Amino acid sequence: METDAINILGIVYVIYFMLPAYIANVSALVFGGGPPLDLGYRFIDKRRLIGDGVTWRGSVIGTLLGTLIGMIQGTLSDDIPYGILLGFLLAIGAVLGDAFGSFMKRRFNIKRGRPAPILDQLDFAVGAMFFASIIVDFTWEIIATILIITVVLHLSANIIAYLIGLKDVWY
């Protein structure tokens, strides 16, 4: 019984910790549109650097909203500057991690909107942890927990969005 409570608290902690990254990732998609982050440039393989799916507007709004979540968390923990910094690092890491995932998909010739299992679910989380590692010491247990929870949350959200008609595909 005690172990179950610890596991649930660990899951809640990870979701709370990663909330700026999760919000940034969703916000970048929801508020995206406009000029693409890569401005249409092509890589040496003649394919787009990133593609049309990652935009300046989505990236900026996602980063701002993730940082705002970090500020709110900082307010709750009585350390606003740290909350803002951590929120910003998680948010910008999530946005750039997603952009890197799109960059990799282009290199593997995976078209926009087509699935790239694991990469699609984890690129933003890995980017968020990478940037946050500037000020946070992650244990392997926390990293594994973040990755597992992120996959479950990402797939669950996509399936729900598909079932209620917000997405055309379940992934």
N, C-alpha and C. Protein backbone atom coordinates (compact mmCIF):
# COMPACT_ATOMS: atom_id res chain seq x y z
N MET A 1 0.82 -1.19 0.00
CA MET A 1 0.00 0.00 0.00
C MET A 1 0.86 1.26 0.00
N GLU A 2 1.88 1.29 0.85
CA GLU A 2 2.76 2.45 0.91
C GLU A 2 3.51 2.65 -0.41
N THR A 3 3.94 1.55 -1.03
CA THR A 3 4.65 1.63 -2.30
C THR A 3 3.76 2.22 -3.39
N ASP A 4 2.47 1.85 -3.39
CA ASP A 4 1.54 2.40 -4.38
C ASP A 4 1.43 3.92 -4.23
N ALA A 5 1.36 4.40 -3.00
CA ALA A 5 1.26 5.84 -2.75
C ALA A 5 2.51 6.54 -3.24
N ILE A 6 3.67 5.93 -3.01
CA ILE A 6 4.94 6.52 -3.47
C ILE A 6 4.97 6.58 -4.99
N ASN A 7 4.53 5.50 -5.64
CA ASN A 7 4.52 5.47 -7.10
C ASN A 7 3.59 6.53 -7.68
N ILE A 8 2.41 6.67 -7.08
CA ILE A 8 1.46 7.67 -7.56
C ILE A 8 2.02 9.07 -7.35
N LEU A 9 2.63 9.31 -6.19
CA LEU A 9 3.25 10.62 -5.94
C LEU A 9 4.38 10.89 -6.93
N GLY A 10 5.15 9.86 -7.26
CA GLY A 10 6.22 10.02 -8.24
C GLY A 10 5.69 10.39 -9.61
N ILE A 11 4.59 9.77 -10.00
CA ILE A 11 3.97 10.06 -11.29
C ILE A 11 3.42 11.49 -11.30
N VAL A 12 2.74 11.87 -10.22
CA VAL A 12 2.21 13.22 -10.12
C VAL A 12 3.34 14.24 -10.15
N TYR A 13 4.44 13.94 -9.43
CA TYR A 13 5.59 14.85 -9.41
C TYR A 13 6.16 15.03 -10.81
N VAL A 14 6.32 13.94 -11.55
CA VAL A 14 6.90 14.02 -12.90
C VAL A 14 5.99 14.84 -13.82
N ILE A 15 4.69 14.62 -13.74
CA ILE A 15 3.76 15.39 -14.58
C ILE A 15 3.84 16.87 -14.22
N TYR A 16 3.85 17.17 -12.92
CA TYR A 16 3.95 18.56 -12.46
C TYR A 16 5.27 19.18 -12.92
N PHE A 17 6.36 18.45 -12.75
CA PHE A 17 7.68 18.96 -13.15
C PHE A 17 7.72 19.25 -14.64
N MET A 18 7.19 18.33 -15.45
CA MET A 18 7.26 18.46 -16.91
C MET A 18 6.15 19.34 -17.49
N LEU A 19 5.25 19.84 -16.66
CA LEU A 19 4.12 20.63 -17.16
C LEU A 19 4.53 21.77 -18.09
N PRO A 20 5.58 22.54 -17.79
CA PRO A 20 5.97 23.59 -18.74
C PRO A 20 6.31 23.03 -20.13
N ALA A 21 6.95 21.87 -20.18
CA ALA A 21 7.29 21.25 -21.46
C ALA A 21 6.05 20.73 -22.15
N TYR A 22 5.16 20.09 -21.39
CA TYR A 22 3.93 19.57 -21.98
C TYR A 22 3.08 20.70 -22.55
N ILE A 23 2.94 21.78 -21.79
CA ILE A 23 2.15 22.94 -22.24
C ILE A 23 2.80 23.58 -23.47
N ALA A 24 4.12 23.71 -23.45
CA ALA A 24 4.83 24.29 -24.60
C ALA A 24 4.61 23.45 -25.86
N ASN A 25 4.69 22.15 -25.71
CA ASN A 25 4.54 21.25 -26.86
C ASN A 25 3.13 21.34 -27.45
N VAL A 26 2.13 21.31 -26.60
CA VAL A 26 0.74 21.39 -27.08
C VAL A 26 0.46 22.79 -27.65
N SER A 27 0.92 23.82 -26.96
CA SER A 27 0.66 25.20 -27.39
C SER A 27 1.30 25.49 -28.75
N ALA A 28 2.49 24.96 -28.97
CA ALA A 28 3.15 25.19 -30.26
C ALA A 28 2.31 24.63 -31.40
N LEU A 29 1.66 23.51 -31.15
CA LEU A 29 0.80 22.90 -32.16
C LEU A 29 -0.50 23.69 -32.31
N VAL A 30 -1.15 23.99 -31.19
CA VAL A 30 -2.44 24.66 -31.22
C VAL A 30 -2.34 26.07 -31.79
N PHE A 31 -1.29 26.80 -31.41
CA PHE A 31 -1.17 28.20 -31.84
C PHE A 31 -0.22 28.37 -33.02
N GLY A 32 0.18 27.27 -33.64
CA GLY A 32 1.10 27.34 -34.77
C GLY A 32 0.46 27.97 -35.99
N GLY A 33 1.21 27.99 -37.04
CA GLY A 33 0.76 28.63 -38.27
C GLY A 33 1.70 29.76 -38.61
N GLY A 34 1.63 30.21 -39.81
CA GLY A 34 2.51 31.29 -40.24
C GLY A 34 3.83 30.75 -40.74
N PRO A 35 4.84 31.60 -40.76
CA PRO A 35 6.13 31.20 -41.33
C PRO A 35 6.76 30.03 -40.57
N PRO A 36 7.29 29.06 -41.31
CA PRO A 36 7.95 27.94 -40.65
C PRO A 36 9.26 28.37 -40.00
N LEU A 37 9.65 27.66 -38.97
CA LEU A 37 10.87 27.98 -38.23
C LEU A 37 12.09 27.93 -39.15
N ASP A 38 12.09 27.02 -40.12
CA ASP A 38 13.25 26.90 -41.01
C ASP A 38 13.22 27.89 -42.18
N LEU A 39 12.18 28.71 -42.24
CA LEU A 39 12.01 29.72 -43.29
C LEU A 39 12.13 29.15 -44.71
N GLY A 40 11.83 27.86 -44.84
CA GLY A 40 11.85 27.23 -46.16
C GLY A 40 13.21 26.74 -46.62
N TYR A 41 14.23 26.92 -45.80
CA TYR A 41 15.58 26.49 -46.20
C TYR A 41 15.67 24.98 -46.31
N ARG A 42 16.59 24.56 -47.15
CA ARG A 42 16.81 23.13 -47.37
C ARG A 42 18.19 22.73 -46.85
N PHE A 43 18.29 21.47 -46.43
CA PHE A 43 19.53 20.90 -45.92
C PHE A 43 20.38 20.43 -47.10
N ILE A 44 21.57 19.94 -46.84
CA ILE A 44 22.45 19.50 -47.93
C ILE A 44 21.86 18.33 -48.72
N ASP A 45 20.88 17.64 -48.13
CA ASP A 45 20.23 16.53 -48.84
C ASP A 45 19.06 17.02 -49.71
N LYS A 46 18.92 18.34 -49.83
CA LYS A 46 17.90 19.00 -50.66
C LYS A 46 16.49 18.93 -50.06
N ARG A 47 16.36 18.33 -48.89
CA ARG A 47 15.07 18.31 -48.21
C ARG A 47 15.00 19.50 -47.26
N ARG A 48 13.77 19.89 -46.92
CA ARG A 48 13.58 20.97 -45.97
C ARG A 48 14.30 20.66 -44.66
N LEU A 49 14.79 21.71 -44.01
CA LEU A 49 15.44 21.52 -42.71
C LEU A 49 14.48 20.89 -41.72
N ILE A 50 13.30 21.50 -41.57
CA ILE A 50 12.32 21.04 -40.59
C ILE A 50 10.98 20.79 -41.24
N GLY A 51 10.50 21.73 -42.03
CA GLY A 51 9.20 21.61 -42.68
C GLY A 51 8.23 22.66 -42.17
N ASP A 52 7.01 22.60 -42.68
CA ASP A 52 6.01 23.60 -42.37
C ASP A 52 5.33 23.42 -41.02
N GLY A 53 5.50 22.26 -40.38
CA GLY A 53 4.78 21.97 -39.15
C GLY A 53 5.28 22.71 -37.92
N VAL A 54 6.53 23.14 -37.93
CA VAL A 54 7.11 23.86 -36.79
C VAL A 54 7.24 25.32 -37.20
N THR A 55 6.46 26.19 -36.55
CA THR A 55 6.39 27.58 -36.98
C THR A 55 6.96 28.51 -35.91
N TRP A 56 7.28 29.72 -36.37
CA TRP A 56 7.77 30.75 -35.45
C TRP A 56 6.71 31.09 -34.41
N ARG A 57 5.47 31.31 -34.87
CA ARG A 57 4.40 31.68 -33.94
C ARG A 57 4.18 30.59 -32.89
N GLY A 58 4.07 29.34 -33.32
CA GLY A 58 3.88 28.24 -32.39
C GLY A 58 5.04 28.10 -31.42
N SER A 59 6.25 28.28 -31.94
CA SER A 59 7.44 28.14 -31.10
C SER A 59 7.50 29.24 -30.03
N VAL A 60 7.22 30.46 -30.44
CA VAL A 60 7.27 31.59 -29.49
C VAL A 60 6.14 31.46 -28.46
N ILE A 61 4.92 31.20 -28.92
CA ILE A 61 3.80 31.09 -27.98
C ILE A 61 4.00 29.89 -27.05
N GLY A 62 4.45 28.77 -27.60
CA GLY A 62 4.71 27.60 -26.77
C GLY A 62 5.74 27.89 -25.69
N THR A 63 6.81 28.56 -26.08
CA THR A 63 7.87 28.90 -25.11
C THR A 63 7.33 29.87 -24.06
N LEU A 64 6.57 30.86 -24.47
CA LEU A 64 6.01 31.83 -23.52
C LEU A 64 5.03 31.17 -22.54
N LEU A 65 4.15 30.32 -23.05
CA LEU A 65 3.18 29.68 -22.17
C LEU A 65 3.85 28.69 -21.22
N GLY A 66 4.84 27.95 -21.71
CA GLY A 66 5.58 27.05 -20.84
C GLY A 66 6.32 27.81 -19.75
N THR A 67 6.89 28.95 -20.11
CA THR A 67 7.58 29.79 -19.13
C THR A 67 6.58 30.35 -18.11
N LEU A 68 5.40 30.72 -18.56
CA LEU A 68 4.35 31.20 -17.66
C LEU A 68 3.98 30.11 -16.64
N ILE A 69 3.85 28.89 -17.10
CA ILE A 69 3.56 27.77 -16.19
C ILE A 69 4.69 27.65 -15.17
N GLY A 70 5.93 27.77 -15.62
CA GLY A 70 7.07 27.73 -14.70
C GLY A 70 6.99 28.85 -13.67
N MET A 71 6.58 30.04 -14.09
CA MET A 71 6.45 31.16 -13.17
C MET A 71 5.37 30.87 -12.12
N ILE A 72 4.26 30.30 -12.56
CA ILE A 72 3.19 29.93 -11.62
C ILE A 72 3.71 28.89 -10.63
N GLN A 73 4.43 27.89 -11.14
CA GLN A 73 5.00 26.88 -10.25
C GLN A 73 6.00 27.52 -9.29
N GLY A 74 6.78 28.47 -9.77
CA GLY A 74 7.73 29.18 -8.91
C GLY A 74 7.02 29.97 -7.83
N THR A 75 5.89 30.54 -8.19
CA THR A 75 5.09 31.27 -7.20
C THR A 75 4.59 30.30 -6.11
N LEU A 76 4.15 29.13 -6.53
CA LEU A 76 3.65 28.14 -5.57
C LEU A 76 4.74 27.62 -4.65
N SER A 77 5.98 27.60 -5.15
CA SER A 77 7.09 27.07 -4.34
C SER A 77 7.92 28.19 -3.70
N ASP A 78 7.47 29.42 -3.84
CA ASP A 78 8.17 30.59 -3.26
C ASP A 78 9.55 30.83 -3.85
N ASP A 79 9.74 30.46 -5.12
CA ASP A 79 11.01 30.73 -5.80
C ASP A 79 10.70 31.08 -7.25
N ILE A 80 10.17 32.27 -7.45
CA ILE A 80 9.72 32.70 -8.77
C ILE A 80 10.86 32.73 -9.79
N PRO A 81 12.04 33.29 -9.47
CA PRO A 81 13.11 33.30 -10.48
C PRO A 81 13.49 31.88 -10.95
N TYR A 82 13.60 30.96 -10.01
CA TYR A 82 13.93 29.57 -10.39
C TYR A 82 12.80 28.97 -11.23
N GLY A 83 11.55 29.23 -10.85
CA GLY A 83 10.42 28.72 -11.61
C GLY A 83 10.41 29.24 -13.04
N ILE A 84 10.69 30.53 -13.17
CA ILE A 84 10.73 31.13 -14.52
C ILE A 84 11.87 30.50 -15.33
N LEU A 85 13.04 30.39 -14.73
CA LEU A 85 14.19 29.82 -15.45
C LEU A 85 13.93 28.37 -15.84
N LEU A 86 13.45 27.56 -14.88
CA LEU A 86 13.18 26.15 -15.18
C LEU A 86 12.06 26.03 -16.22
N GLY A 87 11.01 26.83 -16.06
CA GLY A 87 9.92 26.80 -17.03
C GLY A 87 10.40 27.15 -18.43
N PHE A 88 11.25 28.19 -18.51
CA PHE A 88 11.80 28.59 -19.81
C PHE A 88 12.65 27.47 -20.41
N LEU A 89 13.54 26.88 -19.61
CA LEU A 89 14.41 25.82 -20.13
C LEU A 89 13.62 24.61 -20.59
N LEU A 90 12.61 24.22 -19.81
CA LEU A 90 11.77 23.08 -20.21
C LEU A 90 10.98 23.42 -21.47
N ALA A 91 10.46 24.64 -21.54
CA ALA A 91 9.63 25.04 -22.69
C ALA A 91 10.46 25.17 -23.97
N ILE A 92 11.56 25.90 -23.90
CA ILE A 92 12.39 26.07 -25.11
C ILE A 92 12.99 24.73 -25.53
N GLY A 93 13.34 23.91 -24.53
CA GLY A 93 13.85 22.57 -24.84
C GLY A 93 12.81 21.72 -25.54
N ALA A 94 11.56 21.82 -25.09
CA ALA A 94 10.48 21.06 -25.72
C ALA A 94 10.27 21.50 -27.17
N VAL A 95 10.24 22.81 -27.37
CA VAL A 95 10.02 23.35 -28.72
C VAL A 95 11.18 22.96 -29.65
N LEU A 96 12.40 23.14 -29.17
CA LEU A 96 13.55 22.80 -30.01
C LEU A 96 13.72 21.28 -30.17
N GLY A 97 13.34 20.53 -29.15
CA GLY A 97 13.36 19.07 -29.26
C GLY A 97 12.39 18.59 -30.33
N ASP A 98 11.21 19.19 -30.36
CA ASP A 98 10.24 18.85 -31.39
C ASP A 98 10.76 19.24 -32.77
N ALA A 99 11.41 20.40 -32.87
CA ALA A 99 11.99 20.82 -34.15
C ALA A 99 13.08 19.84 -34.58
N PHE A 100 13.89 19.38 -33.63
CA PHE A 100 14.93 18.40 -33.96
C PHE A 100 14.29 17.09 -34.43
N GLY A 101 13.18 16.70 -33.78
CA GLY A 101 12.47 15.50 -34.23
C GLY A 101 11.99 15.64 -35.67
N SER A 102 11.48 16.83 -36.01
CA SER A 102 11.06 17.08 -37.39
C SER A 102 12.25 17.06 -38.34
N PHE A 103 13.37 17.61 -37.89
CA PHE A 103 14.60 17.57 -38.69
C PHE A 103 14.99 16.11 -38.98
N MET A 104 14.94 15.26 -37.96
CA MET A 104 15.29 13.84 -38.14
C MET A 104 14.30 13.14 -39.07
N LYS A 105 13.02 13.44 -38.93
CA LYS A 105 12.02 12.83 -39.81
C LYS A 105 12.30 13.20 -41.26
N ARG A 106 12.68 14.46 -41.52
CA ARG A 106 13.00 14.86 -42.89
C ARG A 106 14.21 14.08 -43.40
N ARG A 107 15.21 13.85 -42.55
CA ARG A 107 16.39 13.11 -42.97
C ARG A 107 16.06 11.67 -43.32
N PHE A 108 15.07 11.09 -42.62
CA PHE A 108 14.64 9.72 -42.90
C PHE A 108 13.55 9.68 -43.96
N ASN A 109 13.27 10.85 -44.57
CA ASN A 109 12.27 10.97 -45.63
C ASN A 109 10.86 10.58 -45.16
N ILE A 110 10.55 10.89 -43.89
CA ILE A 110 9.22 10.66 -43.36
C ILE A 110 8.44 11.95 -43.57
N LYS A 111 7.36 11.87 -44.28
CA LYS A 111 6.57 13.05 -44.62
C LYS A 111 5.87 13.62 -43.39
N ARG A 112 5.56 14.92 -43.47
CA ARG A 112 4.84 15.60 -42.39
C ARG A 112 3.52 14.89 -42.12
N GLY A 113 3.25 14.66 -40.84
CA GLY A 113 2.00 14.01 -40.43
C GLY A 113 2.08 12.50 -40.40
N ARG A 114 3.13 11.93 -40.96
CA ARG A 114 3.30 10.47 -40.92
C ARG A 114 3.97 10.10 -39.61
N PRO A 115 3.66 8.92 -39.08
CA PRO A 115 4.20 8.55 -37.77
C PRO A 115 5.67 8.18 -37.80
N ALA A 116 6.34 8.49 -36.73
CA ALA A 116 7.70 8.04 -36.44
C ALA A 116 7.66 7.60 -34.99
N PRO A 117 7.25 6.34 -34.75
CA PRO A 117 7.06 5.87 -33.38
C PRO A 117 8.27 6.15 -32.50
N ILE A 118 8.01 6.47 -31.28
CA ILE A 118 8.95 6.85 -30.23
C ILE A 118 9.49 8.26 -30.48
N LEU A 119 10.01 8.54 -31.66
CA LEU A 119 10.52 9.88 -31.95
C LEU A 119 9.40 10.91 -31.77
N ASP A 120 8.22 10.63 -32.31
CA ASP A 120 7.10 11.57 -32.20
C ASP A 120 6.69 11.81 -30.75
N GLN A 121 6.81 10.81 -29.92
CA GLN A 121 6.37 10.93 -28.53
C GLN A 121 7.43 11.52 -27.62
N LEU A 122 8.70 11.37 -27.97
CA LEU A 122 9.75 11.70 -27.00
C LEU A 122 10.68 12.84 -27.40
N ASP A 123 10.64 13.29 -28.63
CA ASP A 123 11.59 14.33 -29.05
C ASP A 123 11.51 15.56 -28.16
N PHE A 124 10.31 16.02 -27.88
CA PHE A 124 10.17 17.23 -27.07
C PHE A 124 10.57 17.00 -25.62
N ALA A 125 10.29 15.81 -25.08
CA ALA A 125 10.63 15.52 -23.68
C ALA A 125 12.14 15.42 -23.51
N VAL A 126 12.81 14.79 -24.46
CA VAL A 126 14.27 14.69 -24.40
C VAL A 126 14.89 16.09 -24.52
N GLY A 127 14.36 16.90 -25.44
CA GLY A 127 14.85 18.27 -25.57
C GLY A 127 14.65 19.06 -24.29
N ALA A 128 13.48 18.91 -23.67
CA ALA A 128 13.19 19.62 -22.42
C ALA A 128 14.16 19.20 -21.32
N MET A 129 14.38 17.90 -21.18
CA MET A 129 15.31 17.43 -20.14
C MET A 129 16.73 17.88 -20.44
N PHE A 130 17.12 17.87 -21.71
CA PHE A 130 18.46 18.30 -22.09
C PHE A 130 18.70 19.75 -21.65
N PHE A 131 17.76 20.63 -21.98
CA PHE A 131 17.92 22.05 -21.60
C PHE A 131 17.83 22.23 -20.08
N ALA A 132 16.89 21.53 -19.46
CA ALA A 132 16.72 21.67 -18.00
C ALA A 132 17.92 21.12 -17.24
N SER A 133 18.68 20.22 -17.86
CA SER A 133 19.83 19.63 -17.17
C SER A 133 20.91 20.68 -16.86
N ILE A 134 20.75 21.86 -17.42
CA ILE A 134 21.66 22.96 -17.08
C ILE A 134 21.54 23.29 -15.60
N ILE A 135 20.33 23.15 -15.05
CA ILE A 135 20.13 23.50 -13.63
C ILE A 135 19.56 22.35 -12.80
N VAL A 136 19.22 21.23 -13.43
CA VAL A 136 18.62 20.09 -12.72
C VAL A 136 19.50 18.86 -12.91
N ASP A 137 19.74 18.15 -11.82
CA ASP A 137 20.45 16.87 -11.90
C ASP A 137 19.41 15.75 -11.98
N PHE A 138 19.28 15.16 -13.15
CA PHE A 138 18.30 14.08 -13.35
C PHE A 138 18.92 12.74 -12.96
N THR A 139 18.16 11.92 -12.25
CA THR A 139 18.58 10.54 -12.01
C THR A 139 18.06 9.69 -13.16
N TRP A 140 18.63 8.54 -13.34
CA TRP A 140 18.16 7.64 -14.40
C TRP A 140 16.72 7.22 -14.14
N GLU A 141 16.35 7.09 -12.87
CA GLU A 141 14.98 6.70 -12.53
C GLU A 141 13.99 7.80 -12.95
N ILE A 142 14.35 9.04 -12.71
CA ILE A 142 13.48 10.15 -13.10
C ILE A 142 13.38 10.24 -14.62
N ILE A 143 14.50 10.09 -15.30
CA ILE A 143 14.50 10.13 -16.77
C ILE A 143 13.59 9.04 -17.32
N ALA A 144 13.74 7.82 -16.81
CA ALA A 144 12.92 6.69 -17.29
C ALA A 144 11.44 6.96 -17.00
N THR A 145 11.15 7.47 -15.82
CA THR A 145 9.76 7.76 -15.46
C THR A 145 9.18 8.84 -16.37
N ILE A 146 9.94 9.89 -16.63
CA ILE A 146 9.48 10.96 -17.52
C ILE A 146 9.19 10.39 -18.91
N LEU A 147 10.10 9.57 -19.43
CA LEU A 147 9.91 9.03 -20.78
C LEU A 147 8.68 8.13 -20.86
N ILE A 148 8.51 7.27 -19.87
CA ILE A 148 7.35 6.35 -19.88
C ILE A 148 6.05 7.13 -19.76
N ILE A 149 5.98 8.05 -18.80
CA ILE A 149 4.76 8.84 -18.61
C ILE A 149 4.47 9.68 -19.84
N THR A 150 5.50 10.24 -20.45
CA THR A 150 5.31 11.07 -21.64
C THR A 150 4.72 10.26 -22.78
N VAL A 151 5.22 9.05 -23.00
CA VAL A 151 4.66 8.21 -24.07
C VAL A 151 3.19 7.93 -23.80
N VAL A 152 2.86 7.55 -22.57
CA VAL A 152 1.47 7.23 -22.22
C VAL A 152 0.58 8.46 -22.38
N LEU A 153 1.01 9.61 -21.85
CA LEU A 153 0.21 10.83 -21.96
C LEU A 153 0.04 11.26 -23.42
N HIS A 154 1.12 11.20 -24.18
CA HIS A 154 1.09 11.64 -25.58
C HIS A 154 0.13 10.78 -26.40
N LEU A 155 0.26 9.48 -26.27
CA LEU A 155 -0.63 8.58 -27.02
C LEU A 155 -2.07 8.72 -26.57
N SER A 156 -2.28 8.84 -25.26
CA SER A 156 -3.65 8.99 -24.74
C SER A 156 -4.29 10.27 -25.26
N ALA A 157 -3.55 11.36 -25.22
CA ALA A 157 -4.08 12.64 -25.71
C ALA A 157 -4.40 12.57 -27.20
N ASN A 158 -3.53 11.94 -27.97
CA ASN A 158 -3.77 11.83 -29.41
C ASN A 158 -4.99 10.96 -29.71
N ILE A 159 -5.15 9.88 -28.97
CA ILE A 159 -6.30 8.99 -29.20
C ILE A 159 -7.59 9.72 -28.84
N ILE A 160 -7.59 10.45 -27.73
CA ILE A 160 -8.78 11.21 -27.34
C ILE A 160 -9.08 12.28 -28.38
N ALA A 161 -8.06 13.00 -28.83
CA ALA A 161 -8.26 14.03 -29.87
C ALA A 161 -8.82 13.41 -31.14
N TYR A 162 -8.37 12.22 -31.50
CA TYR A 162 -8.88 11.52 -32.68
C TYR A 162 -10.35 11.13 -32.48
N LEU A 163 -10.66 10.59 -31.30
CA LEU A 163 -12.01 10.12 -31.04
C LEU A 163 -13.04 11.26 -31.01
N ILE A 164 -12.61 12.44 -30.59
CA ILE A 164 -13.57 13.57 -30.55
C ILE A 164 -13.48 14.45 -31.80
N GLY A 165 -12.68 14.00 -32.78
CA GLY A 165 -12.64 14.67 -34.07
C GLY A 165 -11.67 15.83 -34.22
N LEU A 166 -10.75 15.99 -33.27
CA LEU A 166 -9.78 17.07 -33.39
C LEU A 166 -8.58 16.68 -34.25
N LYS A 167 -8.37 15.39 -34.42
CA LYS A 167 -7.27 14.90 -35.25
C LYS A 167 -7.80 13.91 -36.26
N ASP A 168 -7.10 13.81 -37.39
CA ASP A 168 -7.51 12.87 -38.44
C ASP A 168 -6.92 11.48 -38.24
N VAL A 169 -5.85 11.40 -37.46
CA VAL A 169 -5.19 10.11 -37.19
C VAL A 169 -5.05 9.93 -35.68
N TRP A 170 -4.99 8.69 -35.23
CA TRP A 170 -4.94 8.43 -33.79
C TRP A 170 -3.57 8.66 -33.19
N TYR A 171 -2.56 8.73 -34.00
CA TYR A 171 -1.20 8.90 -33.49
C TYR A 171 -0.82 10.34 -33.52
